[in-house]
C-alpha cells in the first residue's frame, strides 16, 4: 500500500546524475515541482535554489505528512536558497559547485531572474551561460532538475534565453496545460474608445 502512495506522489520524472532535466510548466503554480521536492525528500537530502520565490515549504509539509511520522525530520533534509537577481543565482551556483554535493539539485524558475529590464540582453545571456556552466559542473556529481515557465509577452524580446536553456537541457518535460498568456483579438467591442 505504501509503495502505491510513493509512486502516486512522483509527478513526472526520475532524475539521474549526469543529466540535466528541464521542466516547463504552463501552470501558474509550481505544484509539480513541489510534489517532486516532497518525493525526493522522503528518500534523501536535496538542494533547492528558488529563483522565483515560489517554493512553499508548507505545501511540501502537507504532501509528506501522510508518508512519514516525522515530517520535521524530512523537511530538515531540504537545503533551500533563494536568489532574487541573476548575480545571486551565479553566486549560489558557484558556491554550491565548490562543495561538490551529491544531493539532487532543484532549480525553480531559473529564467525569472534573467528577465530584469535593467540588465542588457547580452549581459543576461552571458550570465545565463556562466550559470549553465556551473550547472553542468554540478550535474557531474548529482541529478539536476530545472524548472521554468514560458516567457510572458512582455519578455518575448528575451526569448533567446529560453532557447538557450532548452538547448542546454538533456531531457525536457513540458506539461500539456494551456498557455497562460493568450492575446485577446483587437476589437472595439472589447475595448471602448477612450475619447468619443
Protein backbone atom coordinates (compact mmCIF):
# COMPACT_ATOMS: atom_id res chain seq x y z
CA UNK A 1 0.00 0.00 0.00
CA UNK A 2 2.79 2.44 0.92
CA UNK A 3 4.61 1.72 -2.37
CA UNK A 4 1.48 2.75 -4.25
CA UNK A 5 1.35 6.03 -2.34
CA UNK A 6 5.01 6.72 -3.04
CA UNK A 7 4.54 6.09 -6.76
CA UNK A 8 1.42 8.24 -6.85
CA UNK A 9 3.35 11.16 -5.41
CA UNK A 10 6.00 11.12 -8.17
CA UNK A 11 4.79 13.77 -10.63
CA UNK A 12 6.88 13.37 -13.76
CA UNK A 13 10.43 12.03 -13.90
CA UNK A 14 13.09 10.13 -12.03
CA UNK A 15 16.26 12.21 -12.41
CA UNK A 16 19.65 10.60 -12.85
CA UNK A 17 23.10 12.05 -12.15
CA UNK A 18 24.97 13.25 -15.21
CA UNK A 19 21.79 14.53 -16.86
CA UNK A 20 20.08 17.89 -16.75
CA UNK A 21 16.30 17.76 -16.73
CA UNK A 22 14.14 20.77 -17.66
CA UNK A 23 10.52 21.03 -16.52
CA UNK A 24 8.48 23.58 -18.49
CA UNK A 25 5.22 24.33 -16.72
CA UNK A 26 2.45 26.38 -18.26
CA UNK A 27 0.69 26.38 -14.91
CA UNK A 28 0.82 29.44 -12.71
CA UNK A 29 1.56 27.28 -9.65
CA UNK A 30 4.72 25.25 -9.01
CA UNK A 31 2.72 22.27 -7.72
CA UNK A 32 4.52 19.60 -9.77
CA UNK A 33 7.93 20.85 -8.66
CA UNK A 34 6.82 20.87 -5.02
CA UNK A 35 5.49 17.31 -5.44
CA UNK A 36 8.88 16.35 -6.82
CA UNK A 37 10.68 18.01 -3.90
CA UNK A 38 8.40 16.18 -1.45
CA UNK A 39 9.02 12.85 -3.15
CA UNK A 40 12.80 13.20 -3.17
CA UNK A 41 12.94 14.47 0.41
CA UNK A 42 11.20 11.30 1.61
CA UNK A 43 14.24 9.33 0.45
CA UNK A 44 17.26 11.64 0.65
CA UNK A 45 18.63 15.13 1.13
CA UNK A 46 18.29 17.70 -1.66
CA UNK A 47 19.22 21.27 -2.50
CA UNK A 48 16.75 23.83 -3.83
CA UNK A 49 17.67 27.11 -5.49
CA UNK A 50 14.46 29.13 -5.78
CA UNK A 51 14.75 31.91 -8.36
CA UNK A 52 11.04 32.80 -8.47
CA UNK A 53 10.25 32.88 -4.74
CA UNK A 54 7.64 30.13 -5.21
CA UNK A 55 8.96 27.27 -3.06
CA UNK A 56 6.26 26.95 -0.43
CA UNK A 57 7.55 24.57 2.23
CA UNK A 58 4.11 24.44 3.87
CA UNK A 59 2.86 22.72 0.72
CA UNK A 60 5.77 20.27 0.87
CA UNK A 61 4.98 19.58 4.54
CA UNK A 62 1.35 18.79 3.68
CA UNK A 63 2.45 16.47 0.86
CA UNK A 64 4.86 14.46 3.00
CA UNK A 65 2.70 14.24 6.14
CA UNK A 66 0.77 11.09 5.03
CA UNK A 67 4.05 9.28 4.28
CA UNK A 68 6.10 9.83 7.44
CA UNK A 69 5.68 10.02 11.21
CA UNK A 70 8.48 12.66 11.28
CA UNK A 71 7.69 15.48 8.79
CA UNK A 72 10.09 17.88 10.53
CA UNK A 73 12.95 15.41 10.09
CA UNK A 74 12.11 15.07 6.40
CA UNK A 75 11.92 18.85 5.93
CA UNK A 76 15.36 19.13 7.54
CA UNK A 77 16.71 17.19 4.55
CA UNK A 78 15.91 20.15 2.28
CA UNK A 79 18.51 22.89 1.92
CA UNK A 80 16.74 25.95 0.45
CA UNK A 81 18.39 29.05 -1.01
CA UNK A 82 16.59 31.92 -2.70
CA UNK A 83 18.03 34.18 -5.39
CA UNK A 84 16.37 37.43 -6.39
CA UNK A 85 18.84 38.52 -9.09
CA UNK A 86 20.80 36.65 -11.72
CA UNK A 87 24.03 37.73 -9.98
CA UNK A 88 22.79 35.95 -6.85
CA UNK A 89 21.96 32.87 -8.95
CA UNK A 90 25.51 32.83 -10.27
CA UNK A 91 26.98 33.25 -6.77
CA UNK A 92 24.86 30.46 -5.25
CA UNK A 93 25.67 28.07 -8.10
CA UNK A 94 29.39 28.83 -7.83
CA UNK A 95 29.47 28.27 -4.07
CA UNK A 96 27.38 25.09 -4.40
CA UNK A 97 29.71 23.72 -7.07
CA UNK A 98 32.69 24.32 -4.77
CA UNK A 99 31.09 21.89 -2.27
CA UNK A 100 30.57 19.21 -4.98
CA UNK A 101 27.32 17.98 -3.41
CA UNK A 102 25.94 14.52 -4.17
CA UNK A 103 22.35 15.54 -3.40
CA UNK A 104 19.93 16.30 -6.23
CA UNK A 105 19.75 19.99 -7.15
CA UNK A 106 16.37 21.54 -7.94
CA UNK A 107 16.43 25.00 -9.54
CA UNK A 108 12.99 26.56 -9.58
CA UNK A 109 12.08 29.25 -12.15
CA UNK A 110 15.66 29.78 -13.31
CA UNK A 111 14.89 32.32 -16.04
CA UNK A 112 12.85 34.63 -13.79
CA UNK A 113 15.92 36.48 -12.52
CA UNK A 114 17.32 36.94 -16.04
CA UNK A 115 14.30 38.96 -17.21
CA UNK A 116 15.35 42.13 -15.36
CA UNK A 117 14.84 45.03 -17.78
CA UNK A 118 17.75 46.93 -16.20
CA UNK A 119 20.10 44.20 -17.41
CA UNK A 120 21.02 44.38 -21.10
CA UNK A 121 20.15 41.23 -23.04
CA UNK A 122 23.80 40.44 -23.99
CA UNK A 123 24.74 40.67 -20.30
CA UNK A 124 21.78 38.50 -19.26
CA UNK A 125 22.72 35.93 -21.87
CA UNK A 126 26.37 35.90 -20.76
CA UNK A 127 25.36 35.48 -17.10
CA UNK A 128 22.98 32.67 -18.05
CA UNK A 129 25.79 30.94 -19.98
CA UNK A 130 28.06 31.15 -16.92
CA UNK A 131 25.27 29.82 -14.72
CA UNK A 132 24.72 26.92 -17.12
CA UNK A 133 28.45 26.15 -16.96
CA UNK A 134 28.18 25.82 -13.16
CA UNK A 135 25.05 23.69 -13.54
CA UNK A 136 26.92 21.45 -15.97
CA UNK A 137 29.63 21.00 -13.36
CA UNK A 138 27.06 20.23 -10.68
CA UNK A 139 25.39 17.63 -12.89
CA UNK A 140 28.61 15.59 -12.83
CA UNK A 141 28.01 14.90 -9.13
CA UNK A 142 24.23 14.83 -8.81
CA UNK A 143 20.92 14.94 -10.64
CA UNK A 144 19.81 18.43 -11.69
CA UNK A 145 16.19 19.42 -12.32
CA UNK A 146 15.47 22.94 -13.57
CA UNK A 147 12.02 24.45 -13.91
CA UNK A 148 10.83 27.38 -15.97
CA UNK A 149 7.63 28.96 -17.14
CA UNK A 150 7.21 30.08 -20.76
CA UNK A 151 8.09 33.74 -21.11
CA UNK A 152 5.20 36.22 -20.93
CA UNK A 153 4.53 38.50 -23.93
CA UNK A 154 6.33 41.43 -22.26
CA UNK A 155 9.54 39.38 -22.13
CA UNK A 156 9.48 37.99 -25.69
CA UNK A 157 12.50 40.14 -26.56
CA UNK A 158 14.42 37.73 -24.27
CA UNK A 159 13.15 34.55 -25.93
CA UNK A 160 16.77 33.64 -26.76
CA UNK A 161 17.29 32.90 -23.05
CA UNK A 162 14.55 30.27 -23.17
CA UNK A 163 16.06 28.86 -26.37
CA UNK A 164 19.49 28.64 -24.71
CA UNK A 165 18.05 26.84 -21.68
CA UNK A 166 16.06 24.38 -23.81
CA UNK A 167 19.14 23.61 -25.92
CA UNK A 168 21.20 23.05 -22.77
CA UNK A 169 18.83 20.52 -21.15
CA UNK A 170 19.30 16.81 -21.75
CA UNK A 171 15.67 15.95 -21.05
CA UNK A 172 12.65 18.26 -21.33
CA UNK A 173 9.30 17.56 -19.70
CA UNK A 174 6.55 20.01 -20.67
CA UNK A 175 3.08 19.88 -19.22
CA UNK A 176 0.10 19.95 -21.53
CA UNK A 177 -1.64 22.74 -19.68
CA UNK A 178 -2.99 25.75 -21.53
CA UNK A 179 -0.75 28.68 -22.26
CA UNK A 180 -1.50 31.26 -19.55
CA UNK A 181 -0.72 34.19 -21.83
CA UNK A 182 -3.12 34.37 -24.75
CA UNK A 183 -3.64 37.63 -26.54
CA UNK A 184 -7.21 38.80 -27.00
CA UNK A 185 -8.18 39.87 -30.51
CA UNK A 186 -8.22 43.61 -31.06
CA UNK A 187 -11.83 44.73 -31.20
CA UNK A 188 -13.70 47.88 -30.38
CA UNK A 189 -16.37 45.68 -28.82
CA UNK A 190 -13.86 44.55 -26.21
CA UNK A 191 -12.36 47.98 -25.56
CA UNK A 192 -14.49 51.09 -25.96
CA UNK A 193 -12.84 54.19 -27.36
CA UNK A 194 -11.09 56.32 -24.76
CA UNK A 195 -12.26 59.58 -26.38
CA UNK A 196 -15.61 59.78 -28.14
